[in-house]
Protein backbone atom coordinates (compact mmCIF):
# COMPACT_ATOMS: atom_id res chain seq x y z
CA MET A 1 0.00 0.00 0.00
CA SER A 2 1.37 3.40 -1.00
CA VAL A 3 0.60 5.90 1.76
CA PRO A 4 1.00 9.61 0.91
CA PHE A 5 2.61 12.01 3.37
CA PHE A 6 1.98 15.61 4.37
CA ASN A 7 4.22 18.24 5.98
CA LEU A 8 2.05 19.15 8.94
CA ALA A 9 4.69 21.54 10.30
CA PRO A 10 8.42 22.16 9.86
CA ASN A 11 10.20 18.83 10.36
CA LEU A 12 6.88 17.10 11.10
CA THR A 13 5.98 14.87 8.17
CA VAL A 14 2.96 12.65 8.81
CA SER A 15 1.27 9.90 6.84
CA ARG A 16 -2.13 11.00 5.56
CA LEU A 17 -3.61 8.04 7.40
CA CYS A 18 -3.30 8.08 11.20
CA LEU A 19 -4.08 5.11 13.43
CA GLY A 20 -6.28 5.97 16.40
CA THR A 21 -5.60 3.88 19.50
CA MET A 22 -8.63 4.47 21.71
CA THR A 23 -9.47 0.73 21.71
CA PHE A 24 -6.02 -0.32 22.91
CA GLY A 25 -6.31 -1.64 26.45
CA GLU A 26 -10.06 -2.34 26.31
CA GLN A 27 -11.32 -3.95 23.08
CA ASN A 28 -7.74 -4.79 22.10
CA SER A 29 -5.29 -6.68 24.30
CA LEU A 30 -1.58 -5.90 24.28
CA PRO A 31 -0.74 -8.63 21.69
CA GLN A 32 -3.65 -7.56 19.48
CA SER A 33 -2.59 -3.91 19.71
CA PHE A 34 0.98 -4.81 18.77
CA ARG A 35 -0.21 -6.76 15.72
CA LEU A 36 -2.26 -3.82 14.49
CA LEU A 37 0.61 -1.40 15.07
CA ASP A 38 3.03 -3.72 13.27
CA GLU A 39 0.74 -4.01 10.25
CA VAL A 40 0.05 -0.33 9.77
CA PHE A 41 3.67 0.66 10.40
CA HIS A 42 4.96 -1.83 7.82
CA ALA A 43 2.30 -0.51 5.43
CA GLY A 44 3.91 2.93 5.65
CA ILE A 45 1.82 4.68 8.32
CA ASN A 46 3.93 6.66 10.80
CA PHE A 47 1.24 8.71 12.59
CA PHE A 48 -0.42 7.45 15.80
CA ASP A 49 -3.07 9.19 17.88
CA SER A 50 -3.83 8.61 21.56
CA ALA A 51 -5.13 10.49 24.61
CA GLU A 52 -4.64 10.35 28.36
CA MET A 53 -8.27 9.25 28.88
CA TYR A 54 -8.05 6.27 26.47
CA PRO A 55 -9.15 3.52 26.14
CA VAL A 56 -12.89 3.89 25.83
CA PRO A 57 -15.26 3.20 27.46
CA GLN A 58 -13.43 5.14 30.14
CA ARG A 59 -12.64 3.32 33.38
CA ALA A 60 -10.26 4.09 36.22
CA GLU A 61 -8.74 0.62 35.91
CA THR A 62 -7.73 1.06 32.27
CA GLN A 63 -7.07 4.80 31.96
CA GLY A 64 -3.77 5.49 30.22
CA ARG A 65 -3.29 1.99 28.77
CA SER A 66 -3.50 3.19 25.18
CA GLU A 67 -0.51 5.48 25.73
CA GLU A 68 1.30 2.73 27.63
CA TYR A 69 0.79 0.20 24.83
CA LEU A 70 1.93 2.67 22.18
CA GLY A 71 5.12 3.56 24.03
CA ARG A 72 5.85 -0.06 24.86
CA TRP A 73 5.45 -1.06 21.20
CA ILE A 74 8.02 1.54 20.11
CA ARG A 75 10.50 0.38 22.74
CA GLU A 76 10.05 -3.38 22.28
CA ARG A 77 10.19 -3.17 18.49
CA LYS A 78 13.23 -0.91 18.81
CA ILE A 79 11.76 1.59 16.37
CA PRO A 80 13.84 4.76 16.02
CA ARG A 81 11.91 7.55 17.70
CA ASP A 82 12.15 9.85 14.69
CA ARG A 83 10.38 7.29 12.50
CA VAL A 84 7.05 7.68 14.29
CA VAL A 85 4.87 10.70 15.05
CA LEU A 86 3.08 10.48 18.40
CA ALA A 87 0.00 12.57 19.06
CA THR A 88 -1.86 12.59 22.36
CA LYS A 89 -4.32 14.81 24.18
CA VAL A 90 -5.13 16.34 27.55
CA THR A 91 -8.61 15.57 28.88
CA GLY A 92 -10.95 18.53 29.07
CA PRO A 93 -13.28 19.22 32.00
CA SER A 94 -16.18 16.79 32.28
CA GLY A 95 -16.98 16.37 35.97
CA GLN A 96 -17.07 12.60 35.41
CA MET A 97 -13.60 11.09 35.10
CA ILE A 98 -12.53 11.83 38.67
CA TRP A 99 -9.65 9.35 38.38
CA ILE A 100 -7.88 11.76 36.01
CA ARG A 101 -6.25 14.37 38.25
CA GLY A 102 -9.29 14.36 40.53
CA GLY A 103 -11.68 15.18 37.69
CA PRO A 104 -10.55 18.75 36.90
CA LYS A 105 -13.32 21.26 36.44
CA HIS A 106 -11.02 23.54 34.46
CA LEU A 107 -8.18 23.00 32.02
CA ASP A 108 -5.73 25.41 33.61
CA ALA A 109 -1.94 25.57 33.37
CA LYS A 110 -1.43 23.22 36.32
CA ASN A 111 -3.61 20.50 34.80
CA ILE A 112 -2.06 20.85 31.34
CA THR A 113 1.48 20.59 32.73
CA GLU A 114 0.63 17.61 34.93
CA ALA A 115 -1.13 15.84 32.05
CA ILE A 116 1.90 16.23 29.76
CA ASP A 117 4.26 14.84 32.39
CA ASN A 118 1.95 11.90 33.08
CA SER A 119 1.64 11.05 29.37
CA LEU A 120 5.41 11.11 28.93
CA GLN A 121 5.80 8.84 31.93
CA ARG A 122 3.20 6.36 30.68
CA MET A 123 4.75 6.18 27.22
CA GLN A 124 8.29 6.38 28.63
CA MET A 125 9.19 8.85 25.94
CA GLU A 126 11.22 12.04 26.12
CA TYR A 127 8.85 14.11 24.00
CA ILE A 128 5.44 14.19 22.32
CA ASP A 129 5.31 15.23 18.66
CA LEU A 130 1.80 16.71 18.70
CA TYR A 131 -0.05 17.60 21.90
CA GLN A 132 -3.67 18.70 21.74
CA ILE A 133 -6.48 19.92 23.96
CA HIS A 134 -9.02 17.10 23.63
CA TRP A 135 -12.05 19.40 23.82
CA PRO A 136 -12.58 23.04 24.79
CA ASP A 137 -12.47 24.17 28.40
CA ARG A 138 -15.39 26.49 27.76
CA TYR A 139 -18.93 25.26 27.12
CA VAL A 140 -19.70 24.52 23.47
CA PRO A 141 -22.23 22.08 21.95
CA MET A 142 -20.30 18.84 21.42
CA PHE A 143 -20.60 15.09 21.05
CA GLY A 144 -23.94 15.06 19.29
CA GLU A 145 -25.36 18.37 20.53
CA THR A 146 -26.68 20.56 17.73
CA GLU A 147 -27.90 23.54 19.76
CA TYR A 148 -26.27 25.96 22.17
CA HIS A 149 -27.78 26.06 25.66
CA PRO A 150 -26.90 29.35 27.45
CA THR A 151 -27.85 27.88 30.84
CA GLN A 152 -24.85 25.54 30.63
CA GLN A 153 -22.34 28.35 30.22
CA PHE A 154 -19.68 28.57 32.94
CA CYS A 155 -16.51 30.51 33.67
CA SER A 156 -13.62 29.06 31.72
CA ILE A 157 -9.84 29.31 31.69
CA SER A 158 -8.50 31.87 29.26
CA ILE A 159 -6.99 30.71 25.99
CA GLU A 160 -3.94 32.83 26.83
CA GLU A 161 -3.26 30.75 29.95
CA GLN A 162 -3.62 27.52 28.02
CA LEU A 163 -1.32 28.73 25.23
CA ASP A 164 1.25 29.82 27.78
CA ALA A 165 1.25 26.41 29.49
CA LEU A 166 1.53 24.60 26.17
CA GLY A 167 4.25 27.00 25.02
CA ARG A 168 6.30 26.33 28.14
CA ALA A 169 6.09 22.60 27.40
CA VAL A 170 7.42 23.29 23.89
CA ASP A 171 10.24 25.41 25.30
CA ALA A 172 11.11 22.63 27.76
CA GLY A 173 11.40 20.10 24.93
CA LYS A 174 8.50 17.98 26.19
CA VAL A 175 6.27 18.81 23.21
CA ARG A 176 7.23 19.63 19.63
CA TYR A 177 3.93 21.05 18.34
CA ILE A 178 0.54 21.85 19.82
CA GLY A 179 -2.99 21.70 18.47
CA LEU A 180 -6.71 21.40 19.15
CA SER A 181 -9.30 18.65 18.98
CA ASN A 182 -13.10 18.84 18.77
CA GLU A 183 -12.91 22.62 18.44
CA THR A 184 -15.44 24.98 16.93
CA PRO A 185 -14.57 27.29 14.02
CA TYR A 186 -14.67 30.20 16.49
CA GLY A 187 -12.31 28.43 18.88
CA ILE A 188 -9.81 27.55 16.16
CA MET A 189 -9.74 31.12 14.87
CA LYS A 190 -9.43 32.55 18.40
CA PHE A 191 -6.46 30.30 19.15
CA LEU A 192 -4.88 31.29 15.84
CA GLN A 193 -5.42 34.97 16.54
CA LEU A 194 -3.88 34.82 20.00
CA ALA A 195 -1.08 32.46 19.00
CA GLU A 196 0.02 34.45 15.96
CA ARG A 197 2.36 36.60 17.99
CA LEU A 198 3.56 33.59 20.01
CA GLY A 199 4.10 31.12 17.19
CA ARG A 200 2.51 28.36 19.20
CA TYR A 201 -0.38 26.83 17.28
CA SER A 202 0.23 24.21 14.59
CA GLU A 203 -2.75 21.87 14.10
CA GLY A 204 -6.50 21.68 14.56
CA GLU A 205 -9.30 19.16 14.50
CA SER A 206 -12.72 20.70 14.03
CA ARG A 207 -16.11 19.23 14.86
CA TYR A 208 -16.68 18.04 11.29
CA ASN A 209 -18.22 14.59 11.63
CA LEU A 210 -19.53 12.20 9.00
CA SER A 211 -21.88 10.61 11.55
CA ASN A 212 -23.73 13.86 12.28
CA ASN A 213 -27.45 13.10 12.42
CA MET A 214 -28.16 15.99 10.04
CA VAL A 215 -26.45 14.22 7.14
CA LYS A 216 -28.06 10.79 7.46
CA ALA A 217 -30.10 11.31 4.30
CA ALA A 218 -26.98 12.19 2.32
CA THR A 219 -25.21 9.17 3.80
CA MET A 220 -27.78 6.86 2.24
CA GLY A 221 -26.91 8.39 -1.12
CA TYR A 222 -23.22 7.75 -0.50
CA LEU A 223 -24.00 4.11 0.28
CA ASP A 224 -25.69 3.83 -3.09
CA ILE A 225 -22.59 5.30 -4.77
CA ALA A 226 -20.34 2.83 -2.93
CA ARG A 227 -22.47 -0.13 -3.99
CA LYS A 228 -22.60 1.09 -7.58
CA HIS A 229 -18.80 1.18 -7.83
CA GLY A 230 -18.12 -1.92 -5.76
CA LEU A 231 -16.56 0.01 -2.88
CA HIS A 232 -16.85 -0.53 0.84
CA PRO A 233 -18.51 2.49 2.53
CA VAL A 234 -15.57 2.80 4.94
CA SER A 235 -13.10 3.15 2.06
CA LEU A 236 -15.31 5.74 0.37
CA ALA A 237 -15.77 7.74 3.59
CA ILE A 238 -12.07 7.93 4.44
CA ALA A 239 -11.14 8.78 0.86
CA PHE A 240 -13.79 11.51 0.83
CA VAL A 241 -12.27 13.13 3.92
CA LEU A 242 -8.73 12.84 2.55
CA ARG A 243 -9.71 14.62 -0.65
CA HIS A 244 -10.79 17.71 1.31
CA PRO A 245 -8.18 20.43 0.65
CA LEU A 246 -7.97 21.42 4.33
CA VAL A 247 -7.40 17.91 5.70
CA ALA A 248 -3.80 16.91 6.38
CA SER A 249 -4.42 13.44 7.80
CA THR A 250 -7.40 11.26 8.68
CA ILE A 251 -7.62 9.30 11.91
CA PHE A 252 -9.07 5.82 11.53
CA GLY A 253 -9.65 3.04 14.02
CA ALA A 254 -9.39 -0.73 13.80
CA THR A 255 -9.81 -3.58 16.25
CA ARG A 256 -9.06 -6.44 13.84
CA SER A 257 -6.48 -6.96 11.10
CA TRP A 258 -9.06 -7.64 8.40
CA GLN A 259 -10.42 -4.11 8.85
CA LEU A 260 -7.10 -2.73 7.62
CA ARG A 261 -7.71 -4.19 4.17
CA ARG A 262 -10.04 -1.28 3.43
CA LEU A 263 -7.05 1.05 3.55
CA SER A 264 -5.49 -0.26 0.35
CA MET A 265 -8.57 0.89 -1.55
CA VAL A 266 -8.44 4.26 0.25
CA ALA A 267 -4.89 4.82 -1.00
CA ARG A 268 -6.02 4.25 -4.58
CA LEU A 269 -9.09 6.48 -4.29
CA SER A 270 -7.32 9.42 -2.70
């Protein structure tokens, strides 16, 4: 399989397919996770995404295993560190996962710094290539919400404080580049505006989602197109995202080796 690459930032070249690891440590055992990592790496994929809260469903007993498995795979396979790009994320406030730093109600500098140190310790790595805020500290409609509810608004940590904490991690050599996940268009632009003078921001993941309930009707049409051309819907969906001019890389997930076969068709379509 020929996997294309993209220069996400200076000296940060990533494969346009990125393996998400949120099943590692729950649906996937350590040997299963290693097999998946081996297969995608040998296929040419160098980009791996994790988060401190993974795996999902979230449980205190398993929290952090995805990062642990990823770091252990790199060490045990003796893969040169500069041949892989590691991305991970700090958990935003939720009031639910109290086993993560006591369930922080705000994503302030202290929590960001502690999260980075903990992720490095779990992976046993010296640095993280791409570190992201998993979701905004402030209230925004997310994870299936389609409307804004003013009654849920709360005081949030300033973007300046978050950028400063992330910037200090970059200066300390713990993080190479920083970014955002599950952000709104407003949030992305605000971070860009404030970071312009600091040179801190490098990557963003917006709330664009193919499973949004509002596009179910269109999805049925895409299924018809896939059937007409003998394509699997997964291959068509990933290729569709990759062809978007603003998309650098697409995160995909897999729990079994046979699911990776869809990727060879994606490479041809995109």
